[in-house]
Amino acid sequence: MIAKPLALTLGDPAGIGPEIVVKAWYALRATGPSFCAIGDADVLAWAFGPDGRPLERVGAMAEAAEVFQSALPVLHRPAETPAAGVVDWIEAGVALALAGDAAGVVTAPIAKARLYEAGFRFPGHTEFLAELTRGATLQGPRGPVMMLTAKDLRVVLVTIHTPLAQVPQALTAQKVIDTALVTNDALKRDFGIAAPRLALAGLNPHAGEDGTIGREEIEVLEPAVAELRARGIDITGPRPADTLFHEDARQHYDAVVCLYHDQALIPVKTLDFWGGVNVTLGLPIVRTSPDHGTGFDIAGKGVARADSLIAAVRLAAELAERRGA
């Protein structure tokens, strides 16, 4: 088990983050891993109740202060605006991890549109974490690379939130190579896989079928695979994506390098919709996140499921333990 707690940021306070943080604490308090919530204590106190049911704001923090102080440490960081608070909490969690006071960072969901309105200039958590950790050293190739995991499936993305029409132009052999190198290194260091096996998905139907249904496989992907193999990386492909994710196929690789968002996320969410985890590879700190959004439509109703956050906490602890945190 990890010797230090994980830093868990609350995410958007108007979303389901506070509620699922409380539910995760209930689920893990007896067996761990331990975590410290980073956010506004008053917001978290409102969400704190038996079985995760929201409490009325009667006494708020006063009612729950003893429980928080003894069992769930909270960094009380209110801010002038919710968006500023969200950014502040992420920065605080990363700072704790970089200083060695936290074993890693787990982030509850944020609403990027709300952050953009407040001047946030990063596409999302992943890119912001890369910037916050830029000055820290890492033995191995740097990311960030987004990995999604569900049961026995791991996928990584070469492009993330790129519109589908722009993906062919955004793909380069170098991007594929960089993603695969970071993934290979992380599978060894963080997942304990001594000899990782990678598979590269094709972009076009039937992986282009020898160039008759698209040329990207021949002009971009095959040269990338050849270069990776020359560097000693065990990678196959490009392979047709429609036959790459079924149960038998998953026995022959440790991770799939996917080329665009839905190619990666559809199989993950089909395999385990509630339990998927987002992992950022290639950072000097461990970072995981639940594989879902803020859930504004159900926030405050007590019905949000914490499965993915619980899985993210557990996976973060496993990765941190392998890093000796």
Protein backbone atom coordinates (compact mmCIF):
# COMPACT_ATOMS: atom_id res chain seq x y z
CA MET A 1 0.00 0.00 0.00
CA ILE A 2 1.07 3.60 -0.57
CA ALA A 3 2.57 5.36 2.43
CA LYS A 4 1.06 8.76 1.62
CA PRO A 5 -2.47 9.74 0.62
CA LEU A 6 -3.51 10.58 -2.89
CA ALA A 7 -4.61 14.17 -3.60
CA LEU A 8 -8.17 14.10 -4.95
CA THR A 9 -9.45 17.35 -6.49
CA LEU A 10 -13.19 18.03 -6.31
CA GLY A 11 -13.63 19.11 -9.92
CA ASP A 12 -16.50 21.44 -10.78
CA PRO A 13 -18.34 22.15 -7.50
CA ALA A 14 -21.67 22.39 -9.33
CA GLY A 15 -21.25 18.90 -10.78
CA ILE A 16 -21.23 15.42 -9.27
CA GLY A 17 -17.60 15.66 -8.12
CA PRO A 18 -18.29 16.40 -4.43
CA GLU A 19 -20.93 13.67 -4.26
CA ILE A 20 -18.80 10.94 -5.81
CA VAL A 21 -15.79 11.97 -3.70
CA VAL A 22 -17.89 11.36 -0.59
CA LYS A 23 -19.16 8.04 -1.96
CA ALA A 24 -15.61 6.99 -2.78
CA TRP A 25 -14.56 7.82 0.78
CA TYR A 26 -17.35 5.65 2.18
CA ALA A 27 -16.36 2.80 -0.12
CA LEU A 28 -12.62 3.00 0.63
CA ARG A 29 -12.36 4.24 4.21
CA ALA A 30 -12.02 0.77 5.71
CA THR A 31 -9.57 -0.77 3.26
CA GLY A 32 -8.00 2.20 1.46
CA PRO A 33 -6.27 3.55 -0.50
CA SER A 34 -6.34 6.78 1.49
CA PHE A 35 -6.89 10.14 -0.15
CA CYS A 36 -7.07 13.79 0.79
CA ALA A 37 -9.78 15.93 -0.80
CA ILE A 38 -8.63 19.21 -2.34
CA GLY A 39 -11.40 21.75 -2.63
CA ASP A 40 -13.88 23.93 -0.78
CA ALA A 41 -14.71 22.21 2.51
CA ASP A 42 -18.16 23.80 2.65
CA VAL A 43 -19.06 22.31 -0.73
CA LEU A 44 -17.85 18.90 0.35
CA ALA A 45 -19.65 19.14 3.69
CA TRP A 46 -22.91 19.75 1.85
CA ALA A 47 -22.43 16.51 -0.07
CA PHE A 48 -21.44 14.52 3.02
CA GLY A 49 -24.19 12.22 4.31
CA PRO A 50 -25.08 8.56 4.97
CA ASP A 51 -24.88 6.53 1.76
CA GLY A 52 -23.71 9.62 -0.06
CA ARG A 53 -27.06 11.43 0.17
CA PRO A 54 -26.65 15.22 0.07
CA LEU A 55 -27.18 16.99 3.38
CA GLU A 56 -29.17 20.15 3.84
CA ARG A 57 -26.88 23.08 4.56
CA VAL A 58 -27.80 23.23 8.22
CA GLY A 59 -24.64 23.70 10.19
CA ALA A 60 -22.74 22.55 7.08
CA MET A 61 -19.12 22.32 8.12
CA ALA A 62 -19.85 22.48 11.84
CA GLU A 63 -21.93 19.31 11.61
CA ALA A 64 -19.19 17.35 9.85
CA ALA A 65 -16.00 19.01 11.14
CA GLU A 66 -15.02 16.23 13.52
CA VAL A 67 -15.48 13.55 10.86
CA PHE A 68 -13.47 15.49 8.30
CA GLN A 69 -10.63 16.26 10.69
CA SER A 70 -10.28 12.67 11.85
CA ALA A 71 -10.95 10.74 8.68
CA LEU A 72 -10.92 12.85 5.52
CA PRO A 73 -8.42 15.71 5.42
CA VAL A 74 -9.70 18.65 3.41
CA LEU A 75 -7.74 21.58 2.06
CA HIS A 76 -10.21 24.46 2.34
CA ARG A 77 -9.54 26.57 -0.75
CA PRO A 78 -12.61 28.66 -1.57
CA ALA A 79 -12.26 31.10 -4.44
CA GLU A 80 -13.98 34.17 -5.81
CA THR A 81 -15.45 32.18 -8.69
CA PRO A 82 -16.06 28.43 -9.13
CA ALA A 83 -13.79 28.32 -12.19
CA ALA A 84 -10.91 29.94 -10.32
CA GLY A 85 -11.42 27.46 -7.50
CA VAL A 86 -11.24 24.48 -9.85
CA VAL A 87 -7.92 25.65 -11.30
CA ASP A 88 -6.56 26.45 -7.84
CA TRP A 89 -7.43 22.98 -6.56
CA ILE A 90 -5.69 21.26 -9.48
CA GLU A 91 -2.57 23.36 -8.91
CA ALA A 92 -2.63 22.52 -5.19
CA GLY A 93 -2.96 18.77 -5.84
CA VAL A 94 -0.10 18.76 -8.34
CA ALA A 95 2.08 20.77 -5.95
CA LEU A 96 1.49 18.21 -3.19
CA ALA A 97 2.46 15.37 -5.53
CA LEU A 98 5.57 17.14 -6.82
CA ALA A 99 6.66 17.88 -3.26
CA GLY A 100 6.28 14.23 -2.31
CA ASP A 101 3.49 14.95 0.18
CA ALA A 102 0.91 13.08 -1.93
CA ALA A 103 1.40 9.75 -3.70
CA GLY A 104 -0.37 11.01 -6.82
CA VAL A 105 -3.30 13.06 -8.09
CA VAL A 106 -6.85 11.93 -8.86
CA THR A 107 -9.06 14.54 -10.50
CA ALA A 108 -12.84 14.70 -10.41
CA PRO A 109 -14.49 15.98 -13.63
CA ILE A 110 -14.25 19.58 -14.78
CA ALA A 111 -16.42 21.54 -17.22
CA LYS A 112 -14.00 22.94 -19.76
CA ALA A 113 -16.48 25.42 -21.22
CA ARG A 114 -16.89 27.10 -17.82
CA LEU A 115 -13.12 27.29 -17.42
CA TYR A 116 -12.66 28.77 -20.91
CA GLU A 117 -15.03 31.57 -19.95
CA ALA A 118 -12.73 32.36 -17.01
CA GLY A 119 -9.63 32.50 -19.24
CA PHE A 120 -8.39 28.91 -18.92
CA ARG A 121 -6.21 28.32 -22.00
CA PHE A 122 -5.69 24.54 -22.00
CA PRO A 123 -7.82 21.96 -23.85
CA GLY A 124 -8.33 20.03 -20.61
CA HIS A 125 -6.87 18.46 -17.49
CA THR A 126 -4.23 16.50 -19.40
CA GLU A 127 -2.55 19.45 -21.06
CA PHE A 128 -2.76 21.58 -17.89
CA LEU A 129 -1.07 18.87 -15.83
CA ALA A 130 1.69 18.63 -18.41
CA GLU A 131 2.33 22.36 -18.05
CA LEU A 132 2.27 22.24 -14.23
CA THR A 133 4.84 19.43 -14.18
CA ARG A 134 7.04 20.73 -16.99
CA GLY A 135 10.00 21.54 -14.74
CA ALA A 136 10.08 18.17 -12.98
CA THR A 137 12.28 15.36 -14.24
CA LEU A 138 11.12 11.99 -15.54
CA GLN A 139 13.31 9.09 -16.56
CA GLY A 140 11.91 8.24 -19.97
CA PRO A 141 9.97 9.94 -22.78
CA ARG A 142 7.60 12.71 -21.71
CA GLY A 143 3.90 12.87 -22.40
CA PRO A 144 1.23 13.74 -21.88
CA VAL A 145 -0.47 10.72 -23.43
CA MET A 146 -4.07 9.93 -22.56
CA MET A 147 -4.76 6.30 -21.68
CA LEU A 148 -8.19 4.83 -20.96
CA THR A 149 -8.46 1.52 -19.16
CA ALA A 150 -11.39 -0.82 -18.59
CA LYS A 151 -10.99 -4.36 -17.30
CA ASP A 152 -8.31 -5.97 -19.53
CA LEU A 153 -8.33 -3.22 -22.19
CA ARG A 154 -5.92 -0.27 -22.38
CA VAL A 155 -6.08 2.26 -25.18
CA VAL A 156 -4.04 5.42 -25.83
CA LEU A 157 -4.84 8.31 -28.15
CA VAL A 158 -2.65 9.96 -30.77
CA THR A 159 -5.22 12.77 -31.24
CA ILE A 160 -7.70 13.55 -28.49
CA HIS A 161 -10.35 16.23 -28.98
CA THR A 162 -9.62 16.79 -32.66
CA PRO A 163 -12.71 17.08 -34.89
CA LEU A 164 -13.03 13.92 -36.95
CA ALA A 165 -12.73 15.80 -40.26
CA GLN A 166 -9.34 17.14 -39.14
CA VAL A 167 -7.85 13.85 -37.90
CA PRO A 168 -6.19 12.76 -41.20
CA GLN A 169 -4.37 16.08 -41.46
CA ALA A 170 -3.40 16.02 -37.78
CA LEU A 171 -1.86 12.53 -37.96
CA THR A 172 1.88 12.31 -38.49
CA ALA A 173 4.29 9.42 -38.19
CA GLN A 174 6.14 11.33 -35.47
CA LYS A 175 2.99 11.72 -33.35
CA VAL A 176 2.35 7.99 -33.60
CA ILE A 177 5.97 7.24 -32.69
CA ASP A 178 5.95 9.62 -29.71
CA THR A 179 2.68 8.19 -28.37
CA ALA A 180 3.93 4.62 -28.68
CA LEU A 181 7.27 5.40 -27.00
CA VAL A 182 5.59 7.04 -24.00
CA THR A 183 3.12 4.17 -23.76
CA ASN A 184 5.80 1.49 -23.95
CA ASP A 185 7.81 3.20 -21.19
CA ALA A 186 4.76 3.70 -18.95
CA LEU A 187 3.65 0.08 -19.33
CA LYS A 188 7.04 -0.98 -18.01
CA ARG A 189 7.42 1.57 -15.21
CA ASP A 190 3.84 2.05 -14.01
CA PHE A 191 2.05 -1.16 -14.97
CA GLY A 192 4.87 -3.62 -14.32
CA ILE A 193 4.83 -5.15 -17.83
CA ALA A 194 8.40 -6.15 -18.62
CA ALA A 195 7.94 -6.61 -22.37
CA PRO A 196 4.95 -4.56 -23.57
CA ARG A 197 3.07 -5.56 -26.71
CA LEU A 198 1.42 -2.72 -28.64
CA ALA A 199 -1.11 -2.78 -31.45
CA LEU A 200 -1.71 0.15 -33.78
CA ALA A 201 -5.23 0.70 -35.10
CA GLY A 202 -5.74 1.70 -38.69
CA LEU A 203 -7.49 4.92 -39.64
CA ASN A 204 -9.55 3.72 -42.58
CA PRO A 205 -11.98 0.81 -42.95
CA HIS A 206 -10.07 -2.47 -43.30
CA ALA A 207 -6.90 -0.49 -42.43
CA GLY A 208 -7.02 1.00 -45.92
CA GLU A 209 -7.03 -2.37 -47.69
CA ASP A 210 -3.68 -1.85 -49.44
CA GLY A 211 -4.44 1.76 -50.23
CA THR A 212 -7.74 1.19 -51.98
CA ILE A 213 -9.74 2.77 -49.11
CA GLY A 214 -7.29 5.45 -48.05
CA ARG A 215 -3.54 6.04 -48.11
CA GLU A 216 -2.82 7.01 -44.47
CA GLU A 217 -1.87 3.48 -43.50
CA ILE A 218 0.76 3.30 -46.25
CA GLU A 219 2.05 6.86 -46.06
CA VAL A 220 1.91 7.56 -42.30
CA LEU A 221 1.23 4.53 -40.15
CA GLU A 222 3.41 1.84 -41.72
CA PRO A 223 6.53 4.07 -41.65
CA ALA A 224 5.82 4.79 -37.97
CA VAL A 225 5.58 1.08 -37.18
CA ALA A 226 8.81 0.39 -39.06
CA GLU A 227 10.62 3.08 -37.06
CA LEU A 228 9.25 1.79 -33.76
CA ARG A 229 10.28 -1.76 -34.53
CA ALA A 230 13.75 -0.50 -35.42
CA ARG A 231 13.87 1.00 -31.92
CA GLY A 232 12.99 -2.35 -30.36
CA ILE A 233 9.29 -1.69 -29.71
CA ASP A 234 7.01 -4.73 -30.06
CA ILE A 235 4.17 -3.27 -32.12
CA THR A 236 1.84 -4.72 -34.76
CA GLY A 237 -0.30 -2.94 -37.30
CA PRO A 238 -1.83 -0.89 -38.59
CA ARG A 239 -4.70 -3.28 -37.94
CA PRO A 240 -8.41 -2.96 -38.84
CA ALA A 241 -10.08 -1.33 -35.86
CA ASP A 242 -13.31 -3.31 -36.19
CA THR A 243 -11.55 -6.58 -35.27
CA LEU A 244 -9.13 -5.20 -32.70
CA PHE A 245 -11.12 -5.04 -29.47
CA HIS A 246 -13.01 -8.32 -29.05
CA GLU A 247 -12.11 -10.72 -26.24
CA ASP A 248 -9.76 -12.99 -28.21
CA ALA A 249 -7.93 -10.06 -29.81
CA ARG A 250 -7.28 -8.48 -26.41
CA GLN A 251 -5.14 -11.46 -25.40
CA HIS A 252 -2.44 -10.50 -27.92
CA TYR A 253 -1.52 -6.97 -26.84
CA ASP A 254 -1.13 -4.86 -23.70
CA ALA A 255 -2.36 -1.59 -25.20
CA VAL A 256 -3.82 -0.28 -28.45
CA VAL A 257 -2.57 2.94 -30.01
CA CYS A 258 -5.73 4.59 -31.32
CA LEU A 259 -5.85 7.50 -33.73
CA TYR A 260 -8.88 9.50 -32.66
CA HIS A 261 -11.25 9.98 -29.74
CA ASP A 262 -14.16 7.67 -30.47
CA GLN A 263 -11.97 4.89 -31.86
CA ALA A 264 -10.53 4.58 -28.35
CA LEU A 265 -13.45 5.50 -26.11
CA ILE A 266 -16.25 3.48 -27.70
CA PRO A 267 -14.67 0.08 -26.97
CA VAL A 268 -13.66 1.15 -23.44
CA LYS A 269 -17.12 2.39 -22.55
CA THR A 270 -18.79 -0.60 -24.17
CA LEU A 271 -16.63 -2.99 -22.18
CA ASP A 272 -17.09 -1.25 -18.82
CA PHE A 273 -19.21 1.90 -18.97
CA TRP A 274 -19.18 2.55 -15.22
CA GLY A 275 -15.64 1.50 -14.35
CA GLY A 276 -13.38 3.09 -16.97
CA VAL A 277 -10.38 5.13 -15.82
CA ASN A 278 -8.43 7.91 -17.52
CA VAL A 279 -4.66 7.78 -16.88
CA THR A 280 -2.14 10.42 -17.99
CA LEU A 281 1.09 8.74 -19.12
CA GLY A 282 4.50 10.33 -19.36
CA LEU A 283 4.28 12.67 -16.36
CA PRO A 284 6.63 12.83 -13.35
CA ILE A 285 3.58 12.30 -11.12
CA VAL A 286 0.79 9.74 -11.14
CA ARG A 287 -2.54 11.09 -12.34
CA THR A 288 -5.85 9.30 -12.90
CA SER A 289 -9.43 10.43 -13.35
CA PRO A 290 -12.89 8.90 -13.76
CA ASP A 291 -13.88 8.40 -17.38
CA HIS A 292 -16.99 10.59 -17.34
CA GLY A 293 -18.07 14.20 -17.15
CA THR A 294 -19.50 16.57 -14.58
CA GLY A 295 -23.07 15.24 -14.68
CA PHE A 296 -24.69 18.64 -14.13
CA ASP A 297 -28.10 17.15 -14.91
CA ILE A 298 -27.97 14.78 -11.92
CA ALA A 299 -25.80 16.78 -9.53
CA GLY A 300 -27.22 17.13 -6.03
CA LYS A 301 -29.74 14.29 -6.45
CA GLY A 302 -27.68 11.61 -4.72
CA VAL A 303 -27.88 9.24 -7.70
CA ALA A 304 -24.41 9.65 -9.25
CA ARG A 305 -22.36 6.45 -9.32
CA ALA A 306 -18.82 6.59 -7.97
CA ASP A 307 -17.59 3.36 -9.61
CA SER A 308 -15.22 5.10 -12.02
CA LEU A 309 -13.77 7.39 -9.36
CA ILE A 310 -13.25 4.46 -7.00
CA ALA A 311 -11.48 2.58 -9.80
CA ALA A 312 -9.38 5.70 -10.50
CA VAL A 313 -8.30 5.95 -6.85
CA ARG A 314 -7.38 2.27 -6.73
CA LEU A 315 -5.44 2.42 -9.99
CA ALA A 316 -3.60 5.58 -8.91
CA ALA A 317 -2.50 3.81 -5.75
CA GLU A 318 -1.24 0.81 -7.75
CA LEU A 319 0.75 3.02 -10.09
CA ALA A 320 2.14 5.10 -7.23
CA GLU A 321 3.20 1.98 -5.36
CA ARG A 322 5.18 0.79 -8.39
CA ARG A 323 6.86 4.18 -8.47
CA GLY A 324 7.74 3.83 -4.80
CA ALA A 325 5.50 6.69 -3.65
